[in-house]
Amino acid sequence: MTVWEFSIQGSVVKIGNKERQKISAHGCNEPFKNRYWCPKRQWFRKESCPFANRRECENFTAMCGSI
């Protein structure tokens, strides 16, 4: 049995056996079907992240606590 894997390595997004170029500069909100990848959580979100990049996300967490 093969385990399905989603990963970002450099400028390449790997989805199982398939590869494509990364769309966003920071890896945030990489689309897959109807979900968006969150590199902080290492999982998919139903809606795209409201932050423009990972730095904004980290700043928000530092000011407000965990999300």
PDB file of N, CA and C in Angstrom:
ATOM      1  N   MET A   1       0.845  -1.170   0.000  1.00  0.00           N
ATOM      2  CA  MET A   1       0.000   0.000   0.000  1.00  0.00           C
ATOM      3  C   MET A   1       0.897   1.241   0.000  1.00  0.00           C
ATOM      4  N   THR A   2       0.618   2.188  -0.880  1.00  0.00           N
ATOM      5  CA  THR A   2       1.384   3.413  -0.986  1.00  0.00           C
ATOM      6  C   THR A   2       0.693   4.531  -0.217  1.00  0.00           C
ATOM      7  N   VAL A   3       1.479   5.295   0.520  1.00  0.00           N
ATOM      8  CA  VAL A   3       0.940   6.432   1.257  1.00  0.00           C
ATOM      9  C   VAL A   3       1.069   7.664   0.373  1.00  0.00           C
ATOM     10  N   TRP A   4      -0.021   8.421   0.238  1.00  0.00           N
ATOM     11  CA  TRP A   4      -0.036   9.639  -0.563  1.00  0.00           C
ATOM     12  C   TRP A   4       0.677  10.731   0.212  1.00  0.00           C
ATOM     13  N   GLU A   5       1.503  11.531  -0.476  1.00  0.00           N
ATOM     14  CA  GLU A   5       2.288  12.560   0.206  1.00  0.00           C
ATOM     15  C   GLU A   5       2.240  13.881  -0.551  1.00  0.00           C
ATOM     16  N   PHE A   6       2.141  14.981   0.185  1.00  0.00           N
ATOM     17  CA  PHE A   6       2.199  16.333  -0.365  1.00  0.00           C
ATOM     18  C   PHE A   6       3.418  16.999   0.241  1.00  0.00           C
ATOM     19  N   SER A   7       4.301  17.530  -0.613  1.00  0.00           N
ATOM     20  CA  SER A   7       5.482  18.220  -0.082  1.00  0.00           C
ATOM     21  C   SER A   7       5.928  19.316  -1.039  1.00  0.00           C
ATOM     22  N   ILE A   8       6.658  20.277  -0.483  1.00  0.00           N
ATOM     23  CA  ILE A   8       7.238  21.364  -1.273  1.00  0.00           C
ATOM     24  C   ILE A   8       8.740  21.296  -1.081  1.00  0.00           C
ATOM     25  N   GLN A   9       9.447  21.119  -2.194  1.00  0.00           N
ATOM     26  CA  GLN A   9      10.903  21.027  -2.154  1.00  0.00           C
ATOM     27  C   GLN A   9      11.472  22.040  -3.134  1.00  0.00           C
ATOM     28  N   GLY A  10      11.987  23.131  -2.580  1.00  0.00           N
ATOM     29  CA  GLY A  10      12.497  24.206  -3.439  1.00  0.00           C
ATOM     30  C   GLY A  10      11.354  24.871  -4.176  1.00  0.00           C
ATOM     31  N   SER A  11      11.392  24.864  -5.494  1.00  0.00           N
ATOM     32  CA  SER A  11      10.326  25.484  -6.288  1.00  0.00           C
ATOM     33  C   SER A  11       9.376  24.454  -6.883  1.00  0.00           C
ATOM     34  N   VAL A  12       9.427  23.220  -6.379  1.00  0.00           N
ATOM     35  CA  VAL A  12       8.600  22.132  -6.906  1.00  0.00           C
ATOM     36  C   VAL A  12       7.629  21.640  -5.837  1.00  0.00           C
ATOM     37  N   VAL A  13       6.370  21.480  -6.230  1.00  0.00           N
ATOM     38  CA  VAL A  13       5.345  20.902  -5.369  1.00  0.00           C
ATOM     39  C   VAL A  13       5.165  19.463  -5.814  1.00  0.00           C
ATOM     40  N   LYS A  14       5.281  18.532  -4.872  1.00  0.00           N
ATOM     41  CA  LYS A  14       5.119  17.117  -5.169  1.00  0.00           C
ATOM     42  C   LYS A  14       3.827  16.630  -4.539  1.00  0.00           C
ATOM     43  N   ILE A  15       2.976  16.040  -5.373  1.00  0.00           N
ATOM     44  CA  ILE A  15       1.697  15.512  -4.940  1.00  0.00           C
ATOM     45  C   ILE A  15       1.669  14.051  -5.360  1.00  0.00           C
ATOM     46  N   GLY A  16       1.971  13.174  -4.423  1.00  0.00           N
ATOM     47  CA  GLY A  16       2.086  11.757  -4.769  1.00  0.00           C
ATOM     48  C   GLY A  16       3.222  11.570  -5.758  1.00  0.00           C
ATOM     49  N   ASN A  17       2.926  11.000  -6.923  1.00  0.00           N
ATOM     50  CA  ASN A  17       3.934  10.786  -7.965  1.00  0.00           C
ATOM     51  C   ASN A  17       4.023  11.954  -8.939  1.00  0.00           C
ATOM     52  N   LYS A  18       3.170  12.956  -8.802  1.00  0.00           N
ATOM     53  CA  LYS A  18       3.136  14.081  -9.734  1.00  0.00           C
ATOM     54  C   LYS A  18       3.907  15.272  -9.183  1.00  0.00           C
ATOM     55  N   GLU A  19       4.397  16.117 -10.077  1.00  0.00           N
ATOM     56  CA  GLU A  19       5.130  17.320  -9.692  1.00  0.00           C
ATOM     57  C   GLU A  19       4.631  18.498 -10.510  1.00  0.00           C
ATOM     58  N   ARG A  20       4.717  19.701  -9.915  1.00  0.00           N
ATOM     59  CA  ARG A  20       4.418  20.941 -10.637  1.00  0.00           C
ATOM     60  C   ARG A  20       5.215  22.065  -9.999  1.00  0.00           C
ATOM     61  N   GLN A  21       5.301  23.187 -10.676  1.00  0.00           N
ATOM     62  CA  GLN A  21       6.005  24.352 -10.149  1.00  0.00           C
ATOM     63  C   GLN A  21       5.173  24.996  -9.047  1.00  0.00           C
ATOM     64  N   LYS A  22       5.841  25.521  -8.047  1.00  0.00           N
ATOM     65  CA  LYS A  22       5.187  26.198  -6.934  1.00  0.00           C
ATOM     66  C   LYS A  22       4.589  27.512  -7.438  1.00  0.00           C
ATOM     67  N   ILE A  23       3.377  27.817  -7.029  1.00  0.00           N
ATOM     68  CA  ILE A  23       2.683  29.033  -7.460  1.00  0.00           C
ATOM     69  C   ILE A  23       3.071  30.222  -6.602  1.00  0.00           C
ATOM     70  N   SER A  24       3.085  30.029  -5.283  1.00  0.00           N
ATOM     71  CA  SER A  24       3.390  31.139  -4.378  1.00  0.00           C
ATOM     72  C   SER A  24       4.852  31.105  -3.953  1.00  0.00           C
ATOM     73  N   ALA A  25       5.380  32.256  -3.608  1.00  0.00           N
ATOM     74  CA  ALA A  25       6.793  32.357  -3.249  1.00  0.00           C
ATOM     75  C   ALA A  25       7.112  31.657  -1.928  1.00  0.00           C
ATOM     76  N   HIS A  26       6.162  31.642  -0.987  1.00  0.00           N
ATOM     77  CA  HIS A  26       6.422  31.102   0.347  1.00  0.00           C
ATOM     78  C   HIS A  26       5.786  29.742   0.587  1.00  0.00           C
ATOM     79  N   GLY A  27       5.070  29.211  -0.388  1.00  0.00           N
ATOM     80  CA  GLY A  27       4.423  27.910  -0.214  1.00  0.00           C
ATOM     81  C   GLY A  27       3.066  27.982   0.447  1.00  0.00           C
ATOM     82  N   CYS A  28       2.646  29.173   0.860  1.00  0.00           N
ATOM     83  CA  CYS A  28       1.327  29.337   1.476  1.00  0.00           C
ATOM     84  C   CYS A  28       0.249  29.299   0.394  1.00  0.00           C
ATOM     85  N   ASN A  29      -0.884  28.706   0.726  1.00  0.00           N
ATOM     86  CA  ASN A  29      -2.046  28.663  -0.153  1.00  0.00           C
ATOM     87  C   ASN A  29      -1.795  27.959  -1.480  1.00  0.00           C
ATOM     88  N   GLU A  30      -0.918  26.968  -1.499  1.00  0.00           N
ATOM     89  CA  GLU A  30      -0.743  26.168  -2.709  1.00  0.00           C
ATOM     90  C   GLU A  30      -2.018  25.358  -2.908  1.00  0.00           C
ATOM     91  N   PRO A  31      -2.704  25.541  -4.042  1.00  0.00           N
ATOM     92  CA  PRO A  31      -3.987  24.853  -4.230  1.00  0.00           C
ATOM     93  C   PRO A  31      -3.826  23.377  -4.565  1.00  0.00           C
ATOM     94  N   PHE A  32      -4.751  22.583  -4.052  1.00  0.00           N
ATOM     95  CA  PHE A  32      -4.882  21.173  -4.423  1.00  0.00           C
ATOM     96  C   PHE A  32      -6.353  20.833  -4.321  1.00  0.00           C
ATOM     97  N   LYS A  33      -6.965  20.594  -5.457  1.00  0.00           N
ATOM     98  CA  LYS A  33      -8.410  20.383  -5.560  1.00  0.00           C
ATOM     99  C   LYS A  33      -9.111  21.586  -4.935  1.00  0.00           C
ATOM    100  N   ASN A  34      -9.944  21.413  -3.936  1.00  0.00           N
ATOM    101  CA  ASN A  34     -10.658  22.548  -3.328  1.00  0.00           C
ATOM    102  C   ASN A  34     -10.071  22.932  -1.980  1.00  0.00           C
ATOM    103  N   ARG A  35      -8.787  22.672  -1.767  1.00  0.00           N
ATOM    104  CA  ARG A  35      -8.127  22.968  -0.500  1.00  0.00           C
ATOM    105  C   ARG A  35      -6.861  23.780  -0.738  1.00  0.00           C
ATOM    106  N   TYR A  36      -6.326  24.365   0.338  1.00  0.00           N
ATOM    107  CA  TYR A  36      -5.123  25.197   0.255  1.00  0.00           C
ATOM    108  C   TYR A  36      -4.115  24.725   1.289  1.00  0.00           C
ATOM    109  N   TRP A  37      -2.871  24.556   0.878  1.00  0.00           N
ATOM    110  CA  TRP A  37      -1.818  24.056   1.760  1.00  0.00           C
ATOM    111  C   TRP A  37      -1.335  25.145   2.707  1.00  0.00           C
ATOM    112  N   CYS A  38      -1.206  24.802   3.976  1.00  0.00           N
ATOM    113  CA  CYS A  38      -0.663  25.702   4.986  1.00  0.00           C
ATOM    114  C   CYS A  38       0.659  25.103   5.468  1.00  0.00           C
ATOM    115  N   PRO A  39       1.808  25.699   5.110  1.00  0.00           N
ATOM    116  CA  PRO A  39       3.087  25.130   5.527  1.00  0.00           C
ATOM    117  C   PRO A  39       3.314  25.185   7.040  1.00  0.00           C
ATOM    118  N   LYS A  40       2.668  26.117   7.723  1.00  0.00           N
ATOM    119  CA  LYS A  40       2.813  26.195   9.174  1.00  0.00           C
ATOM    120  C   LYS A  40       2.156  24.995   9.853  1.00  0.00           C
ATOM    121  N   ARG A  41       0.951  24.690   9.437  1.00  0.00           N
ATOM    122  CA  ARG A  41       0.220  23.559  10.017  1.00  0.00           C
ATOM    123  C   ARG A  41       0.582  22.223   9.376  1.00  0.00           C
ATOM    124  N   GLN A  42       1.244  22.281   8.221  1.00  0.00           N
ATOM    125  CA  GLN A  42       1.572  21.080   7.454  1.00  0.00           C
ATOM    126  C   GLN A  42       0.308  20.283   7.116  1.00  0.00           C
ATOM    127  N   TRP A  43      -0.748  21.042   6.757  1.00  0.00           N
ATOM    128  CA  TRP A  43      -2.019  20.414   6.401  1.00  0.00           C
ATOM    129  C   TRP A  43      -2.804  21.355   5.511  1.00  0.00           C
ATOM    130  N   PHE A  44      -3.949  20.907   5.026  1.00  0.00           N
ATOM    131  CA  PHE A  44      -4.777  21.690   4.120  1.00  0.00           C
ATOM    132  C   PHE A  44      -5.848  22.464   4.869  1.00  0.00           C
ATOM    133  N   ARG A  45      -6.192  23.628   4.316  1.00  0.00           N
ATOM    134  CA  ARG A  45      -7.272  24.465   4.846  1.00  0.00           C
ATOM    135  C   ARG A  45      -8.411  24.461   3.840  1.00  0.00           C
ATOM    136  N   LYS A  46      -9.651  24.653   4.309  1.00  0.00           N
ATOM    137  CA  LYS A  46     -10.803  24.722   3.417  1.00  0.00           C
ATOM    138  C   LYS A  46     -10.822  26.029   2.643  1.00  0.00           C
ATOM    139  N   GLU A  47     -10.343  27.098   3.287  1.00  0.00           N
ATOM    140  CA  GLU A  47     -10.316  28.423   2.657  1.00  0.00           C
ATOM    141  C   GLU A  47      -8.876  28.896   2.585  1.00  0.00           C
ATOM    142  N   SER A  48      -8.601  29.772   1.649  1.00  0.00           N
ATOM    143  CA  SER A  48      -7.234  30.280   1.552  1.00  0.00           C
ATOM    144  C   SER A  48      -6.903  31.121   2.779  1.00  0.00           C
ATOM    145  N   CYS A  49      -5.648  31.148   3.131  1.00  0.00           N
ATOM    146  CA  CYS A  49      -5.175  31.879   4.302  1.00  0.00           C
ATOM    147  C   CYS A  49      -5.312  33.386   4.052  1.00  0.00           C
ATOM    148  N   PRO A  50      -5.717  34.162   5.059  1.00  0.00           N
ATOM    149  CA  PRO A  50      -5.881  35.599   4.857  1.00  0.00           C
ATOM    150  C   PRO A  50      -4.564  36.373   4.807  1.00  0.00           C
ATOM    151  N   PHE A  51      -3.453  35.730   5.177  1.00  0.00           N
ATOM    152  CA  PHE A  51      -2.168  36.412   5.207  1.00  0.00           C
ATOM    153  C   PHE A  51      -1.489  36.345   3.838  1.00  0.00           C
ATOM    154  N   ALA A  52      -0.743  37.383   3.502  1.00  0.00           N
ATOM    155  CA  ALA A  52      -0.071  37.460   2.204  1.00  0.00           C
ATOM    156  C   ALA A  52       1.136  36.532   2.131  1.00  0.00           C
ATOM    157  N   ASN A  53       1.773  36.268   3.283  1.00  0.00           N
ATOM    158  CA  ASN A  53       2.941  35.396   3.301  1.00  0.00           C
ATOM    159  C   ASN A  53       3.137  34.814   4.698  1.00  0.00           C
ATOM    160  N   ARG A  54       4.121  33.965   4.817  1.00  0.00           N
ATOM    161  CA  ARG A  54       4.375  33.279   6.091  1.00  0.00           C
ATOM    162  C   ARG A  54       4.792  34.260   7.186  1.00  0.00           C
ATOM    163  N   ARG A  55       5.487  35.317   6.810  1.00  0.00           N
ATOM    164  CA  ARG A  55       5.939  36.315   7.787  1.00  0.00           C
ATOM    165  C   ARG A  55       4.751  36.991   8.476  1.00  0.00           C
ATOM    166  N   GLU A  56       3.720  37.354   7.704  1.00  0.00           N
ATOM    167  CA  GLU A  56       2.519  37.951   8.296  1.00  0.00           C
ATOM    168  C   GLU A  56       1.864  36.983   9.276  1.00  0.00           C
ATOM    169  N   CYS A  57       1.821  35.726   8.919  1.00  0.00           N
ATOM    170  CA  CYS A  57       1.242  34.693   9.780  1.00  0.00           C
ATOM    171  C   CYS A  57       2.029  34.612  11.090  1.00  0.00           C
ATOM    172  N   GLU A  58       3.356  34.596  10.995  1.00  0.00           N
ATOM    173  CA  GLU A  58       4.197  34.528  12.191  1.00  0.00           C
ATOM    174  C   GLU A  58       4.044  35.775  13.052  1.00  0.00           C
ATOM    175  N   ASN A  59       3.933  36.953  12.441  1.00  0.00           N
ATOM    176  CA  ASN A  59       3.730  38.189  13.188  1.00  0.00           C
ATOM    177  C   ASN A  59       2.400  38.163  13.944  1.00  0.00           C
ATOM    178  N   PHE A  60       1.352  37.708  13.280  1.00  0.00           N
ATOM    179  CA  PHE A  60       0.031  37.612  13.914  1.00  0.00           C
ATOM    180  C   PHE A  60       0.091  36.676  15.109  1.00  0.00           C
ATOM    181  N   THR A  61       0.721  35.515  14.941  1.00  0.00           N
ATOM    182  CA  THR A  61       0.842  34.549  16.025  1.00  0.00           C
ATOM    183  C   THR A  61       1.624  35.134  17.201  1.00  0.00           C
ATOM    184  N   ALA A  62       2.707  35.872  16.894  1.00  0.00           N
ATOM    185  CA  ALA A  62       3.512  36.462  17.948  1.00  0.00           C
ATOM    186  C   ALA A  62       2.740  37.523  18.726  1.00  0.00           C
ATOM    187  N   MET A  63       1.872  38.278  18.044  1.00  0.00           N
ATOM    188  CA  MET A  63       1.099  39.335  18.706  1.00  0.00           C
ATOM    189  C   MET A  63      -0.142  38.826  19.417  1.00  0.00           C
ATOM    190  N   CYS A  64      -0.782  37.788  18.861  1.00  0.00           N
ATOM    191  CA  CYS A  64      -2.086  37.361  19.381  1.00  0.00           C
ATOM    192  C   CYS A  64      -2.110  35.981  20.007  1.00  0.00           C
ATOM    193  N   GLY A  65      -1.074  35.226  19.889  1.00  0.00           N
ATOM    194  CA  GLY A  65      -1.086  33.846  20.387  1.00  0.00           C
ATOM    195  C   GLY A  65      -1.319  32.880  19.249  1.00  0.00           C
ATOM    196  N   SER A  66      -1.538  31.627  19.578  1.00  0.00           N
ATOM    197  CA  SER A  66      -1.692  30.608  18.529  1.00  0.00           C
ATOM    198  C   SER A  66      -3.037  30.751  17.829  1.00  0.00           C
ATOM    199  N   ILE A  67      -3.065  30.346  16.557  1.00  0.00           N
ATOM    200  CA  ILE A  67      -4.316  30.376  15.784  1.00  0.00           C
ATOM    201  C   ILE A  67      -4.794  28.980  15.513  1.00  0.00           C
TER     202      ILE A  67
END
